[in-house]
C-alpha atoms as a PDB file:
ATOM      1  CA  MET A   1     -18.382-131.831-186.610  1.00  0.00           C
ATOM      2  CA  LEU A   2     -15.950-128.781-188.713  1.00  0.00           C
ATOM      3  CA  ALA A   3     -14.933-128.108-185.204  1.00  0.00           C
ATOM      4  CA  ILE A   4     -13.412-131.712-184.697  1.00  0.00           C
ATOM      5  CA  VAL A   5     -12.021-131.722-187.747  1.00  0.00           C
ATOM      6  CA  LEU A   6     -10.122-129.007-187.191  1.00  0.00           C
ATOM      7  CA  ILE A   7      -9.180-129.477-183.431  1.00  0.00           C
ATOM      8  CA  ASP A   8      -7.676-133.144-185.923  1.00  0.00           C
ATOM      9  CA  LEU A   9      -6.123-130.930-187.719  1.00  0.00           C
ATOM     10  CA  VAL A  10      -3.793-129.436-185.486  1.00  0.00           C
ATOM     11  CA  LEU A  11      -3.759-132.130-183.157  1.00  0.00           C
ATOM     12  CA  ALA A  12      -2.287-133.483-186.577  1.00  0.00           C
ATOM     13  CA  GLY A  13       0.678-131.246-187.350  1.00  0.00           C
ATOM     14  CA  ASP A  14       1.719-132.051-183.279  1.00  0.00           C
ATOM     15  CA  ASN A  15       1.692-135.980-184.309  1.00  0.00           C
ATOM     16  CA  ALA A  16       4.322-134.681-186.893  1.00  0.00           C
ATOM     17  CA  ILE A  17       5.994-133.202-184.421  1.00  0.00           C
ATOM     18  CA  VAL A  18       6.016-136.136-181.903  1.00  0.00           C
ATOM     19  CA  ILE A  19       6.745-138.673-184.410  1.00  0.00           C
ATOM     20  CA  ALA A  20       9.510-136.408-185.990  1.00  0.00           C
ATOM     21  CA  LEU A  21      11.089-135.529-182.021  1.00  0.00           C
ATOM     22  CA  ALA A  22      10.480-139.649-181.475  1.00  0.00           C
ATOM     23  CA  ALA A  23      12.328-140.943-184.869  1.00  0.00           C
ATOM     24  CA  CYS A  24      15.394-138.761-184.742  1.00  0.00           C
ATOM     25  CA  ASN A  25      17.468-140.940-182.981  1.00  0.00           C
ATOM     26  CA  LEU A  26      16.977-144.111-184.774  1.00  0.00           C
ATOM     27  CA  LEU A  27      18.645-145.492-187.950  1.00  0.00           C
ATOM     28  CA  PRO A  28      18.514-144.361-191.129  1.00  0.00           C
ATOM     29  CA  HIS A  29      16.318-147.260-192.313  1.00  0.00           C
ATOM     30  CA  LEU A  30      14.342-147.307-189.098  1.00  0.00           C
ATOM     31  CA  ARG A  31      13.659-143.709-188.807  1.00  0.00           C
ATOM     32  CA  LYS A  32      12.032-143.727-191.871  1.00  0.00           C
ATOM     33  CA  LYS A  33       9.394-146.698-190.624  1.00  0.00           C
ATOM     34  CA  ALA A  34       8.356-145.020-187.487  1.00  0.00           C
ATOM     35  CA  ILE A  35       7.709-142.168-189.354  1.00  0.00           C
ATOM     36  CA  GLY A  36       6.144-143.537-191.712  1.00  0.00           C
ATOM     37  CA  TRP A  37       4.180-146.129-189.348  1.00  0.00           C
ATOM     38  CA  GLY A  38       3.859-142.990-186.944  1.00  0.00           C
ATOM     39  CA  ALA A  39       1.828-141.106-189.799  1.00  0.00           C
ATOM     40  CA  ALA A  40      -0.367-143.803-191.569  1.00  0.00           C
ATOM     41  CA  GLY A  41      -1.574-144.653-187.800  1.00  0.00           C
ATOM     42  CA  ALA A  42      -2.058-141.225-187.475  1.00  0.00           C
ATOM     43  CA  ILE A  43      -3.911-140.627-189.715  1.00  0.00           C
ATOM     44  CA  ALA A  44      -6.202-144.048-189.709  1.00  0.00           C
ATOM     45  CA  VAL A  45      -6.525-143.040-186.060  1.00  0.00           C
ATOM     46  CA  HIS A  46      -7.845-139.888-186.269  1.00  0.00           C
ATOM     47  CA  SER A  47     -10.596-140.944-189.149  1.00  0.00           C
ATOM     48  CA  LEU A  48     -11.694-143.630-187.570  1.00  0.00           C
ATOM     49  CA  MET A  49     -12.297-141.705-184.025  1.00  0.00           C
ATOM     50  CA  THR A  50     -14.008-138.748-185.606  1.00  0.00           C
ATOM     51  CA  PRO A  51     -17.089-140.064-187.158  1.00  0.00           C
ATOM     52  CA  GLY A  52     -17.761-141.259-183.832  1.00  0.00           C
ATOM     53  CA  VAL A  53     -17.170-138.909-181.361  1.00  0.00           C
ATOM     54  CA  VAL A  54     -19.082-137.225-183.042  1.00  0.00           C
ATOM     55  CA  TRP A  55     -22.185-139.645-182.862  1.00  0.00           C
ATOM     56  CA  LEU A  56     -21.698-140.370-179.070  1.00  0.00           C
ATOM     57  CA  LEU A  57     -21.822-136.540-178.140  1.00  0.00           C
ATOM     58  CA  LYS A  58     -25.292-137.071-179.264  1.00  0.00           C
ATOM     59  CA  ILE A  59     -26.229-139.775-176.324  1.00  0.00           C
ATOM     60  CA  PRO A  60     -27.689-137.235-173.137  1.00  0.00           C
ATOM     61  CA  GLY A  61     -25.117-137.909-170.230  1.00  0.00           C
ATOM     62  CA  LEU A  62     -21.944-139.067-172.448  1.00  0.00           C
ATOM     63  CA  MET A  63     -20.118-135.055-171.274  1.00  0.00           C
ATOM     64  CA  LEU A  64     -20.858-134.741-168.848  1.00  0.00           C
ATOM     65  CA  VAL A  65     -19.425-138.527-167.886  1.00  0.00           C
ATOM     66  CA  GLY A  66     -16.557-137.251-169.633  1.00  0.00           C
ATOM     67  CA  GLY A  67     -15.450-133.923-168.610  1.00  0.00           C
ATOM     68  CA  ILE A  68     -16.328-136.080-165.353  1.00  0.00           C
ATOM     69  CA  GLY A  69     -13.184-138.660-166.087  1.00  0.00           C
ATOM     70  CA  LEU A  70     -11.547-136.434-167.676  1.00  0.00           C
ATOM     71  CA  LEU A  71     -11.167-134.254-164.655  1.00  0.00           C
ATOM     72  CA  TRP A  72      -9.879-137.485-163.079  1.00  0.00           C
ATOM     73  CA  ILE A  73      -6.756-137.776-166.186  1.00  0.00           C
ATOM     74  CA  ALA A  74      -5.989-134.390-165.210  1.00  0.00           C
ATOM     75  CA  TYR A  75      -5.949-134.924-160.901  1.00  0.00           C
ATOM     76  CA  LYS A  76      -3.706-137.804-161.790  1.00  0.00           C
ATOM     77  CA  LEU A  77      -1.183-136.246-164.913  1.00  0.00           C
ATOM     78  CA  LEU A  78      -0.363-134.227-161.399  1.00  0.00           C
ATOM     79  CA  VAL A  79      -0.351-136.868-158.976  1.00  0.00           C
ATOM     80  CA  ASP A  80       1.937-139.732-160.777  1.00  0.00           C
ATOM     81  CA  GLN A  81       4.402-136.916-162.674  1.00  0.00           C
ATOM     82  CA  GLY A  82       7.198-137.727-160.577  1.00  0.00           C
ATOM     83  CA  GLU A  83       6.798-141.422-160.403  1.00  0.00           C
ATOM     84  CA  LYS A  84       7.119-142.143-164.706  1.00  0.00           C
ATOM     85  CA  ARG A  85      10.795-140.940-165.749  1.00  0.00           C
ATOM     86  CA  HIS A  86      12.048-141.809-168.999  1.00  0.00           C
ATOM     87  CA  ASP A  87      16.154-141.522-168.464  1.00  0.00           C
ATOM     88  CA  GLY A  88      17.237-144.629-169.990  1.00  0.00           C
ATOM     89  CA  PRO A  89      19.669-143.916-174.164  1.00  0.00           C
ATOM     90  CA  ALA A  90      18.032-142.760-176.451  1.00  0.00           C
ATOM     91  CA  ALA A  91      15.289-144.865-178.114  1.00  0.00           C
ATOM     92  CA  SER A  92      17.795-147.449-181.495  1.00  0.00           C
ATOM     93  CA  THR A  93      14.258-149.093-182.113  1.00  0.00           C
ATOM     94  CA  PHE A  94      11.625-149.162-183.327  1.00  0.00           C
ATOM     95  CA  TRP A  95       9.156-150.316-180.481  1.00  0.00           C
ATOM     96  CA  GLY A  96      12.198-147.661-178.440  1.00  0.00           C
ATOM     97  CA  ALA A  97      10.616-144.235-180.695  1.00  0.00           C
ATOM     98  CA  MET A  98       7.729-145.455-179.698  1.00  0.00           C
ATOM     99  CA  LYS A  99       7.394-145.245-176.188  1.00  0.00           C
ATOM    100  CA  THR A 100       9.307-141.453-176.667  1.00  0.00           C
ATOM    101  CA  ILE A 101       6.673-140.777-178.460  1.00  0.00           C
ATOM    102  CA  VAL A 102       4.968-140.547-175.147  1.00  0.00           C
ATOM    103  CA  VAL A 103       7.179-139.982-172.167  1.00  0.00           C
ATOM    104  CA  LEU A 104       9.038-136.322-174.328  1.00  0.00           C
ATOM    105  CA  LYS A 105      12.529-135.072-173.286  1.00  0.00           C
ATOM    106  CA  LEU A 106      10.585-131.213-172.422  1.00  0.00           C
ATOM    107  CA  VAL A 107       8.642-132.821-169.846  1.00  0.00           C
ATOM    108  CA  GLU A 108      10.918-133.545-167.776  1.00  0.00           C
ATOM    109  CA  ARG A 109      13.153-130.487-168.217  1.00  0.00           C
ATOM    110  CA  PHE A 110       9.590-128.240-167.864  1.00  0.00           C
ATOM    111  CA  PRO A 111       7.748-130.045-165.212  1.00  0.00           C
ATOM    112  CA  ILE A 112       5.078-126.681-166.267  1.00  0.00           C
ATOM    113  CA  ILE A 113       4.355-128.114-168.272  1.00  0.00           C
ATOM    114  CA  ILE A 114       2.668-130.642-166.379  1.00  0.00           C
ATOM    115  CA  LYS A 115       0.936-128.465-164.355  1.00  0.00           C
ATOM    116  CA  LEU A 116       0.013-126.785-167.462  1.00  0.00           C
ATOM    117  CA  GLY A 117      -1.546-130.028-169.939  1.00  0.00           C
ATOM    118  CA  ALA A 118      -3.694-130.552-166.739  1.00  0.00           C
ATOM    119  CA  ALA A 119      -5.171-127.166-166.865  1.00  0.00           C
ATOM    120  CA  VAL A 120      -6.076-127.516-170.004  1.00  0.00           C
ATOM    121  CA  LEU A 121      -7.660-130.711-169.697  1.00  0.00           C
ATOM    122  CA  ALA A 122      -9.662-129.454-166.685  1.00  0.00           C
ATOM    123  CA  SER A 123     -10.972-126.653-169.176  1.00  0.00           C
ATOM    124  CA  THR A 124     -12.007-129.128-171.359  1.00  0.00           C
ATOM    125  CA  ALA A 125     -13.691-131.083-168.658  1.00  0.00           C
ATOM    126  CA  ALA A 126     -15.380-127.860-167.361  1.00  0.00           C
ATOM    127  CA  LYS A 127     -16.471-126.826-171.215  1.00  0.00           C
ATOM    128  CA  MET A 128     -17.641-130.354-171.487  1.00  0.00           C
ATOM    129  CA  ILE A 129     -20.158-130.499-168.759  1.00  0.00           C
ATOM    130  CA  VAL A 130     -20.624-127.274-169.298  1.00  0.00           C
ATOM    131  CA  GLY A 131     -21.978-128.347-173.290  1.00  0.00           C
ATOM    132  CA  GLU A 132     -23.880-131.027-171.496  1.00  0.00           C
ATOM    133  CA  GLN A 133     -27.750-131.161-172.879  1.00  0.00           C
ATOM    134  CA  LEU A 134     -29.532-132.781-169.624  1.00  0.00           C
ATOM    135  CA  LEU A 135     -27.467-128.997-167.844  1.00  0.00           C
ATOM    136  CA  ASP A 136     -28.529-126.880-170.413  1.00  0.00           C
ATOM    137  CA  PRO A 137     -31.294-125.216-168.051  1.00  0.00           C
ATOM    138  CA  ILE A 138     -28.121-124.693-165.607  1.00  0.00           C
ATOM    139  CA  TYR A 139     -25.412-123.752-168.740  1.00  0.00           C
ATOM    140  CA  GLY A 140     -28.374-121.786-170.626  1.00  0.00           C
ATOM    141  CA  GLY A 141     -28.732-123.601-173.917  1.00  0.00           C
ATOM    142  CA  PRO A 142     -31.339-124.511-175.559  1.00  0.00           C
ATOM    143  CA  GLY A 143     -34.368-125.335-172.635  1.00  0.00           C
ATOM    144  CA  ALA A 144     -32.806-122.159-170.766  1.00  0.00           C
ATOM    145  CA  LEU A 145     -34.556-119.444-169.800  1.00  0.00           C
ATOM    146  CA  PRO A 146     -33.662-116.033-171.601  1.00  0.00           C
ATOM    147  CA  SER A 147     -34.157-114.444-168.168  1.00  0.00           C
ATOM    148  CA  ALA A 148     -31.489-116.504-165.843  1.00  0.00           C
ATOM    149  CA  GLN A 149     -29.273-115.688-168.231  1.00  0.00           C
ATOM    150  CA  THR A 150     -26.913-113.557-165.255  1.00  0.00           C
ATOM    151  CA  LEU A 151     -27.268-117.246-163.590  1.00  0.00           C
ATOM    152  CA  ASN A 152     -26.478-119.306-166.608  1.00  0.00           C
ATOM    153  CA  THR A 153     -23.090-117.554-167.720  1.00  0.00           C
ATOM    154  CA  VAL A 154     -22.325-116.797-163.893  1.00  0.00           C
ATOM    155  CA  ALA A 155     -22.582-120.836-163.433  1.00  0.00           C
ATOM    156  CA  GLU A 156     -20.455-121.688-167.010  1.00  0.00           C
ATOM    157  CA  TRP A 157     -17.906-119.190-164.981  1.00  0.00           C
ATOM    158  CA  ALA A 158     -17.516-120.408-161.918  1.00  0.00           C
ATOM    159  CA  THR A 159     -17.476-124.610-163.975  1.00  0.00           C
ATOM    160  CA  TYR A 160     -14.703-123.602-165.038  1.00  0.00           C
ATOM    161  CA  VAL A 161     -12.948-121.802-162.231  1.00  0.00           C
ATOM    162  CA  ILE A 162     -14.142-124.976-160.149  1.00  0.00           C
ATOM    163  CA  ALA A 163     -12.738-127.146-162.098  1.00  0.00           C
ATOM    164  CA  VAL A 164      -9.013-125.500-162.854  1.00  0.00           C
ATOM    165  CA  VAL A 165      -8.936-124.815-159.521  1.00  0.00           C
ATOM    166  CA  ALA A 166     -10.154-128.071-157.983  1.00  0.00           C
ATOM    167  CA  VAL A 167      -7.540-130.230-160.161  1.00  0.00           C
ATOM    168  CA  LEU A 168      -4.466-127.939-159.998  1.00  0.00           C
ATOM    169  CA  GLY A 169      -5.600-127.749-155.879  1.00  0.00           C
ATOM    170  CA  ALA A 170      -5.563-131.306-155.493  1.00  0.00           C
ATOM    171  CA  GLY A 171      -2.940-132.555-157.383  1.00  0.00           C
ATOM    172  CA  TRP A 172      -0.345-130.189-155.149  1.00  0.00           C
ATOM    173  CA  TRP A 173      -2.828-131.515-152.308  1.00  0.00           C
ATOM    174  CA  ALA A 174      -0.984-134.887-153.013  1.00  0.00           C
ATOM    175  CA  THR A 175       2.352-133.953-154.356  1.00  0.00           C
ATOM    176  CA  ARG A 176       2.977-131.557-151.844  1.00  0.00           C
ATOM    177  CA  PRO A 177       6.534-132.975-149.896  1.00  0.00           C
ATOM    178  CA  GLY A 178       6.040-133.417-146.294  1.00  0.00           C
ATOM    179  CA  ARG A 179       2.150-135.557-146.672  1.00  0.00           C
ATOM    180  CA  PRO A 180       1.315-138.348-144.993  1.00  0.00           C
ATOM    181  CA  GLY A 181       2.997-142.223-146.304  1.00  0.00           C
ATOM    182  CA  GLU A 182       6.033-140.788-147.936  1.00  0.00           C
ATOM    183  CA  ALA A 183       9.160-141.739-146.662  1.00  0.00           C
ATOM    184  CA  GLY A 184      10.836-138.187-145.210  1.00  0.00           C
ATOM    185  CA  ALA A 185       7.165-137.611-143.641  1.00  0.00           C
ATOM    186  CA  ASP A 186       7.441-140.521-141.808  1.00  0.00           C
ATOM    187  CA  ALA A 187      11.279-139.849-140.756  1.00  0.00           C
ATOM    188  CA  ASN A 188      10.166-136.724-139.894  1.00  0.00           C
ATOM    189  CA  LEU A 189       7.216-137.763-136.618  1.00  0.00           C
ATOM    190  CA  VAL A 190      10.136-140.686-135.937  1.00  0.00           C
ATOM    191  CA  ARG A 191      12.885-137.962-135.227  1.00  0.00           C
ATOM    192  CA  HIS A 192      10.435-135.294-133.373  1.00  0.00           C
END
C-alpha cells in the first residue's frame, strides 16, 4: 500500500502542473475556480481510489487481466494518436480548460511523447503480469522453486521486452504509411 501512496503523491504533482497549464488562459475568476475544482477533484479521486485499488490487487487473476488491458490501452494510444487533434483556440471556459487537461499541446508538438507513454504503459503492464500471484511459478514468486531462479529471471525480463516491443511494433504496423485501407494507399493501387 505504501508504494501506491507514493505513486499517488508523485502523480499529484503532475496533476497540479496539468491543472495550472489548463487554467492559464482562463479569465481570472474562472482560473481560480478551475484550479480549485481541479485540485479538489484530484485529491478526492486519489483518496477514494487508493484503498479500493489496494483491495482489488488481492483478487487472483486481476493483475493479469489488468496487464493485458493496459497493453491494449498502450496500443490504442499509438493507433489513435493521429485522430484526436486539438487545433482550436485556447480554453475560455471551465469545461474547455478541463478538456485541455486531456489533450495537451506538448503531445502535438512532440509526438515522441506518445510513443514513450505507450512504452511506459507497456512496461507497467508487464510489471502487472509479472506480479500476478497465479503466475508465481513462472516469475519466481513465493510459490516458485529456488532451482528455477535463473529461468524465472529470464521469463521476467522477456515479458518486459516482449510487451514493449509488441506494443510499439503493433502501433507502428497499424499506423505505417501506405497501409491497406488508407486513402493514399488505395489511390496508389489504382494508378499502378
